[in-house]
Amino acid sequence: VAAFYPSLHLNLGDVYRRLGDLDR
C-alpha cells in the first residue's frame, strides 16, 4: 500500500498548487 502514496500526494500537491495554497 505504501506504493499508493506517491501518486496520492502528487495529486494533492498539484491541486493545492492550483488552488494557490503553496505551503500545503
PDB file of all heavy atoms in Angstrom:
ATOM      1  N   VAL A   1       0.833  -1.200   0.000  1.00  0.00           N
ATOM      2  CA  VAL A   1       0.000   0.000   0.000  1.00  0.00           C
ATOM      3  C   VAL A   1       0.871   1.255   0.000  1.00  0.00           C
ATOM      4  O   VAL A   1       0.471   2.293  -0.542  1.00  0.00           O
ATOM      5  CB  VAL A   1      -0.974  -0.011   1.203  1.00  0.00           C
ATOM      6  CG1 VAL A   1      -1.736   1.289   1.328  1.00  0.00           C
ATOM      7  CG2 VAL A   1      -1.934  -1.191   1.085  1.00  0.00           C
ATOM      8  N   ALA A   2       2.057   1.169   0.550  1.00  0.00           N
ATOM      9  CA  ALA A   2       2.971   2.320   0.565  1.00  0.00           C
ATOM     10  C   ALA A   2       3.196   2.872  -0.843  1.00  0.00           C
ATOM     11  O   ALA A   2       3.466   4.067  -1.000  1.00  0.00           O
ATOM     12  CB  ALA A   2       4.300   1.931   1.205  1.00  0.00           C
ATOM     13  N   ALA A   3       3.053   2.041  -1.855  1.00  0.00           N
ATOM     14  CA  ALA A   3       3.248   2.498  -3.240  1.00  0.00           C
ATOM     15  C   ALA A   3       2.089   3.354  -3.743  1.00  0.00           C
ATOM     16  O   ALA A   3       2.205   3.991  -4.781  1.00  0.00           O
ATOM     17  CB  ALA A   3       3.457   1.300  -4.166  1.00  0.00           C
ATOM     18  N   PHE A   4       0.982   3.400  -3.006  1.00  0.00           N
ATOM     19  CA  PHE A   4      -0.136   4.266  -3.386  1.00  0.00           C
ATOM     20  C   PHE A   4       0.201   5.732  -3.110  1.00  0.00           C
ATOM     21  O   PHE A   4      -0.258   6.637  -3.800  1.00  0.00           O
ATOM     22  CB  PHE A   4      -1.397   3.955  -2.576  1.00  0.00           C
ATOM     23  CG  PHE A   4      -2.029   2.609  -2.792  1.00  0.00           C
ATOM     24  CD1 PHE A   4      -1.428   1.585  -3.492  1.00  0.00           C
ATOM     25  CD2 PHE A   4      -3.275   2.360  -2.238  1.00  0.00           C
ATOM     26  CE1 PHE A   4      -2.032   0.351  -3.652  1.00  0.00           C
ATOM     27  CE2 PHE A   4      -3.899   1.135  -2.397  1.00  0.00           C
ATOM     28  CZ  PHE A   4      -3.279   0.127  -3.098  1.00  0.00           C
ATOM     29  N   TYR A   5       0.984   5.966  -2.053  1.00  0.00           N
ATOM     30  CA  TYR A   5       1.150   7.317  -1.519  1.00  0.00           C
ATOM     31  C   TYR A   5       1.865   8.311  -2.427  1.00  0.00           C
ATOM     32  O   TYR A   5       1.472   9.489  -2.445  1.00  0.00           O
ATOM     33  CB  TYR A   5       1.785   7.261  -0.128  1.00  0.00           C
ATOM     34  CG  TYR A   5       0.811   6.712   0.879  1.00  0.00           C
ATOM     35  CD1 TYR A   5       0.808   5.362   1.207  1.00  0.00           C
ATOM     36  CD2 TYR A   5      -0.152   7.535   1.454  1.00  0.00           C
ATOM     37  CE1 TYR A   5      -0.112   4.849   2.108  1.00  0.00           C
ATOM     38  CE2 TYR A   5      -1.068   7.028   2.354  1.00  0.00           C
ATOM     39  CZ  TYR A   5      -1.055   5.683   2.677  1.00  0.00           C
ATOM     40  OH  TYR A   5      -1.978   5.181   3.555  1.00  0.00           O
ATOM     41  N   PRO A   6       2.882   7.932  -3.175  1.00  0.00           N
ATOM     42  CA  PRO A   6       3.493   8.957  -4.041  1.00  0.00           C
ATOM     43  C   PRO A   6       2.490   9.596  -5.003  1.00  0.00           C
ATOM     44  O   PRO A   6       2.474  10.822  -5.168  1.00  0.00           O
ATOM     45  CB  PRO A   6       4.594   8.187  -4.783  1.00  0.00           C
ATOM     46  CG  PRO A   6       4.952   7.076  -3.863  1.00  0.00           C
ATOM     47  CD  PRO A   6       3.644   6.676  -3.216  1.00  0.00           C
ATOM     48  N   SER A   7       1.639   8.789  -5.602  1.00  0.00           N
ATOM     49  CA  SER A   7       0.637   9.314  -6.525  1.00  0.00           C
ATOM     50  C   SER A   7      -0.413  10.141  -5.794  1.00  0.00           C
ATOM     51  O   SER A   7      -0.817  11.212  -6.263  1.00  0.00           O
ATOM     52  CB  SER A   7      -0.027   8.162  -7.277  1.00  0.00           C
ATOM     53  OG  SER A   7      -1.043   8.629  -8.130  1.00  0.00           O
ATOM     54  N   LEU A   8      -0.858   9.657  -4.645  1.00  0.00           N
ATOM     55  CA  LEU A   8      -1.867  10.394  -3.885  1.00  0.00           C
ATOM     56  C   LEU A   8      -1.334  11.762  -3.466  1.00  0.00           C
ATOM     57  O   LEU A   8      -2.031  12.775  -3.585  1.00  0.00           O
ATOM     58  CB  LEU A   8      -2.299   9.576  -2.667  1.00  0.00           C
ATOM     59  CG  LEU A   8      -3.031   8.264  -2.980  1.00  0.00           C
ATOM     60  CD1 LEU A   8      -3.173   7.423  -1.721  1.00  0.00           C
ATOM     61  CD2 LEU A   8      -4.369   8.518  -3.635  1.00  0.00           C
ATOM     62  N   HIS A   9      -0.092  11.806  -2.989  1.00  0.00           N
ATOM     63  CA  HIS A   9       0.490  13.088  -2.575  1.00  0.00           C
ATOM     64  C   HIS A   9       0.799  13.976  -3.783  1.00  0.00           C
ATOM     65  O   HIS A   9       0.681  15.204  -3.693  1.00  0.00           O
ATOM     66  CB  HIS A   9       1.732  12.865  -1.718  1.00  0.00           C
ATOM     67  CG  HIS A   9       1.398  12.367  -0.350  1.00  0.00           C
ATOM     68  ND1 HIS A   9       0.649  13.095   0.551  1.00  0.00           N
ATOM     69  CD2 HIS A   9       1.684  11.191   0.267  1.00  0.00           C
ATOM     70  CE1 HIS A   9       0.507  12.395   1.660  1.00  0.00           C
ATOM     71  NE2 HIS A   9       1.120  11.241   1.518  1.00  0.00           N
ATOM     72  N   LEU A  10       1.180  13.384  -4.900  1.00  0.00           N
ATOM     73  CA  LEU A  10       1.379  14.165  -6.128  1.00  0.00           C
ATOM     74  C   LEU A  10       0.090  14.887  -6.496  1.00  0.00           C
ATOM     75  O   LEU A  10       0.087  16.084  -6.780  1.00  0.00           O
ATOM     76  CB  LEU A  10       1.830  13.256  -7.270  1.00  0.00           C
ATOM     77  CG  LEU A  10       1.818  13.848  -8.681  1.00  0.00           C
ATOM     78  CD1 LEU A  10       2.724  15.070  -8.779  1.00  0.00           C
ATOM     79  CD2 LEU A  10       2.217  12.778  -9.691  1.00  0.00           C
ATOM     80  N   ASN A  11      -1.007  14.159  -6.485  1.00  0.00           N
ATOM     81  CA  ASN A  11      -2.287  14.771  -6.842  1.00  0.00           C
ATOM     82  C   ASN A  11      -2.664  15.878  -5.877  1.00  0.00           C
ATOM     83  O   ASN A  11      -3.125  16.947  -6.299  1.00  0.00           O
ATOM     84  CB  ASN A  11      -3.385  13.712  -6.870  1.00  0.00           C
ATOM     85  CG  ASN A  11      -3.199  12.742  -7.995  1.00  0.00           C
ATOM     86  OD1 ASN A  11      -2.306  12.880  -8.810  1.00  0.00           O
ATOM     87  ND2 ASN A  11      -4.033  11.719  -8.028  1.00  0.00           N
ATOM     88  N   LEU A  12      -2.481  15.613  -4.590  1.00  0.00           N
ATOM     89  CA  LEU A  12      -2.814  16.637  -3.606  1.00  0.00           C
ATOM     90  C   LEU A  12      -1.909  17.853  -3.748  1.00  0.00           C
ATOM     91  O   LEU A  12      -2.371  18.999  -3.687  1.00  0.00           O
ATOM     92  CB  LEU A  12      -2.741  16.059  -2.193  1.00  0.00           C
ATOM     93  CG  LEU A  12      -3.983  15.253  -1.816  1.00  0.00           C
ATOM     94  CD1 LEU A  12      -3.691  14.324  -0.654  1.00  0.00           C
ATOM     95  CD2 LEU A  12      -5.139  16.186  -1.496  1.00  0.00           C
ATOM     96  N   GLY A  13      -0.618  17.629  -3.949  1.00  0.00           N
ATOM     97  CA  GLY A  13       0.293  18.755  -4.136  1.00  0.00           C
ATOM     98  C   GLY A  13      -0.091  19.590  -5.336  1.00  0.00           C
ATOM     99  O   GLY A  13      -0.077  20.828  -5.286  1.00  0.00           O
ATOM    100  N   ASP A  14      -0.472  18.930  -6.417  1.00  0.00           N
ATOM    101  CA  ASP A  14      -0.834  19.660  -7.629  1.00  0.00           C
ATOM    102  C   ASP A  14      -2.128  20.452  -7.453  1.00  0.00           C
ATOM    103  O   ASP A  14      -2.209  21.605  -7.858  1.00  0.00           O
ATOM    104  CB  ASP A  14      -0.947  18.705  -8.813  1.00  0.00           C
ATOM    105  CG  ASP A  14      -1.209  19.467 -10.091  1.00  0.00           C
ATOM    106  OD1 ASP A  14      -0.384  20.322 -10.462  1.00  0.00           O
ATOM    107  OD2 ASP A  14      -2.269  19.225 -10.717  1.00  0.00           O
ATOM    108  N   VAL A  15      -3.131  19.847  -6.818  1.00  0.00           N
ATOM    109  CA  VAL A  15      -4.393  20.581  -6.673  1.00  0.00           C
ATOM    110  C   VAL A  15      -4.232  21.729  -5.679  1.00  0.00           C
ATOM    111  O   VAL A  15      -4.775  22.828  -5.896  1.00  0.00           O
ATOM    112  CB  VAL A  15      -5.577  19.652  -6.324  1.00  0.00           C
ATOM    113  CG1 VAL A  15      -5.543  19.164  -4.899  1.00  0.00           C
ATOM    114  CG2 VAL A  15      -6.909  20.347  -6.626  1.00  0.00           C
ATOM    115  N   TYR A  16      -3.471  21.536  -4.616  1.00  0.00           N
ATOM    116  CA  TYR A  16      -3.213  22.653  -3.699  1.00  0.00           C
ATOM    117  C   TYR A  16      -2.458  23.767  -4.425  1.00  0.00           C
ATOM    118  O   TYR A  16      -2.717  24.957  -4.203  1.00  0.00           O
ATOM    119  CB  TYR A  16      -2.431  22.201  -2.472  1.00  0.00           C
ATOM    120  CG  TYR A  16      -3.294  21.604  -1.381  1.00  0.00           C
ATOM    121  CD1 TYR A  16      -3.039  20.330  -0.878  1.00  0.00           C
ATOM    122  CD2 TYR A  16      -4.358  22.324  -0.832  1.00  0.00           C
ATOM    123  CE1 TYR A  16      -3.812  19.793   0.137  1.00  0.00           C
ATOM    124  CE2 TYR A  16      -5.152  21.791   0.183  1.00  0.00           C
ATOM    125  CZ  TYR A  16      -4.869  20.527   0.657  1.00  0.00           C
ATOM    126  OH  TYR A  16      -5.643  19.995   1.665  1.00  0.00           O
ATOM    127  N   ARG A  17      -1.533  23.409  -5.300  1.00  0.00           N
ATOM    128  CA  ARG A  17      -0.800  24.412  -6.083  1.00  0.00           C
ATOM    129  C   ARG A  17      -1.773  25.221  -6.932  1.00  0.00           C
ATOM    130  O   ARG A  17      -1.732  26.449  -6.959  1.00  0.00           O
ATOM    131  CB  ARG A  17       0.245  23.731  -6.978  1.00  0.00           C
ATOM    132  CG  ARG A  17       1.035  24.716  -7.861  1.00  0.00           C
ATOM    133  CD  ARG A  17       1.847  23.977  -8.913  1.00  0.00           C
ATOM    134  NE  ARG A  17       1.025  23.213  -9.834  1.00  0.00           N
ATOM    135  CZ  ARG A  17       0.354  23.725 -10.873  1.00  0.00           C
ATOM    136  NH1 ARG A  17       0.397  25.012 -11.130  1.00  0.00           N
ATOM    137  NH2 ARG A  17      -0.361  22.944 -11.658  1.00  0.00           N
ATOM    138  N   ARG A  18      -2.667  24.528  -7.619  1.00  0.00           N
ATOM    139  CA  ARG A  18      -3.624  25.223  -8.485  1.00  0.00           C
ATOM    140  C   ARG A  18      -4.595  26.075  -7.688  1.00  0.00           C
ATOM    141  O   ARG A  18      -5.112  27.065  -8.195  1.00  0.00           O
ATOM    142  CB  ARG A  18      -4.368  24.218  -9.360  1.00  0.00           C
ATOM    143  CG  ARG A  18      -3.465  23.675 -10.455  1.00  0.00           C
ATOM    144  CD  ARG A  18      -4.182  22.736 -11.415  1.00  0.00           C
ATOM    145  NE  ARG A  18      -4.295  21.423 -10.807  1.00  0.00           N
ATOM    146  CZ  ARG A  18      -5.437  20.761 -10.606  1.00  0.00           C
ATOM    147  NH1 ARG A  18      -6.584  21.272 -10.993  1.00  0.00           N
ATOM    148  NH2 ARG A  18      -5.437  19.577 -10.040  1.00  0.00           N
ATOM    149  N   LEU A  19      -4.843  25.704  -6.435  1.00  0.00           N
ATOM    150  CA  LEU A  19      -5.718  26.495  -5.568  1.00  0.00           C
ATOM    151  C   LEU A  19      -4.964  27.636  -4.886  1.00  0.00           C
ATOM    152  O   LEU A  19      -5.571  28.433  -4.177  1.00  0.00           O
ATOM    153  CB  LEU A  19      -6.381  25.595  -4.515  1.00  0.00           C
ATOM    154  CG  LEU A  19      -7.444  24.643  -5.054  1.00  0.00           C
ATOM    155  CD1 LEU A  19      -7.822  23.610  -4.013  1.00  0.00           C
ATOM    156  CD2 LEU A  19      -8.662  25.426  -5.539  1.00  0.00           C
ATOM    157  N   GLY A  20      -3.657  27.698  -5.094  1.00  0.00           N
ATOM    158  CA  GLY A  20      -2.862  28.782  -4.522  1.00  0.00           C
ATOM    159  C   GLY A  20      -2.378  28.535  -3.109  1.00  0.00           C
ATOM    160  O   GLY A  20      -1.793  29.429  -2.492  1.00  0.00           O
ATOM    161  N   ASP A  21      -2.586  27.344  -2.570  1.00  0.00           N
ATOM    162  CA  ASP A  21      -2.121  27.003  -1.219  1.00  0.00           C
ATOM    163  C   ASP A  21      -0.750  26.338  -1.349  1.00  0.00           C
ATOM    164  O   ASP A  21      -0.612  25.112  -1.293  1.00  0.00           O
ATOM    165  CB  ASP A  21      -3.128  26.089  -0.527  1.00  0.00           C
ATOM    166  CG  ASP A  21      -2.832  25.887   0.947  1.00  0.00           C
ATOM    167  OD1 ASP A  21      -1.674  26.119   1.369  1.00  0.00           O
ATOM    168  OD2 ASP A  21      -3.758  25.487   1.676  1.00  0.00           O
ATOM    169  N   LEU A  22       0.259  27.167  -1.546  1.00  0.00           N
ATOM    170  CA  LEU A  22       1.595  26.652  -1.865  1.00  0.00           C
ATOM    171  C   LEU A  22       2.253  25.949  -0.691  1.00  0.00           C
ATOM    172  O   LEU A  22       3.048  25.026  -0.900  1.00  0.00           O
ATOM    173  CB  LEU A  22       2.467  27.777  -2.401  1.00  0.00           C
ATOM    174  CG  LEU A  22       1.923  28.464  -3.667  1.00  0.00           C
ATOM    175  CD1 LEU A  22       2.918  29.489  -4.188  1.00  0.00           C
ATOM    176  CD2 LEU A  22       1.550  27.453  -4.731  1.00  0.00           C
ATOM    177  N   ASP A  23       1.936  26.329   0.536  1.00  0.00           N
ATOM    178  CA  ASP A  23       2.511  25.630   1.689  1.00  0.00           C
ATOM    179  C   ASP A  23       2.026  24.182   1.736  1.00  0.00           C
ATOM    180  O   ASP A  23       2.828  23.255   1.906  1.00  0.00           O
ATOM    181  CB  ASP A  23       2.162  26.347   2.998  1.00  0.00           C
ATOM    182  CG  ASP A  23       2.904  27.657   3.160  1.00  0.00           C
ATOM    183  OD1 ASP A  23       3.984  27.825   2.539  1.00  0.00           O
ATOM    184  OD2 ASP A  23       2.405  28.527   3.903  1.00  0.00           O
ATOM    185  N   ARG A  24       0.731  23.980   1.561  1.00  0.00           N
ATOM    186  CA  ARG A  24       0.204  22.603   1.545  1.00  0.00           C
ATOM    187  C   ARG A  24       0.711  21.858   0.314  1.00  0.00           C
ATOM    188  O   ARG A  24       0.980  20.654   0.387  1.00  0.00           O
ATOM    189  CB  ARG A  24      -1.314  22.607   1.594  1.00  0.00           C
ATOM    190  CG  ARG A  24      -1.837  22.886   2.974  1.00  0.00           C
ATOM    191  CD  ARG A  24      -3.308  22.564   3.069  1.00  0.00           C
ATOM    192  NE  ARG A  24      -3.747  22.757   4.430  1.00  0.00           N
ATOM    193  CZ  ARG A  24      -4.885  23.345   4.764  1.00  0.00           C
ATOM    194  NH1 ARG A  24      -5.714  23.769   3.824  1.00  0.00           N
ATOM    195  NH2 ARG A  24      -5.221  23.480   6.020  1.00  0.00           N
TER     196      ARG A  24
END
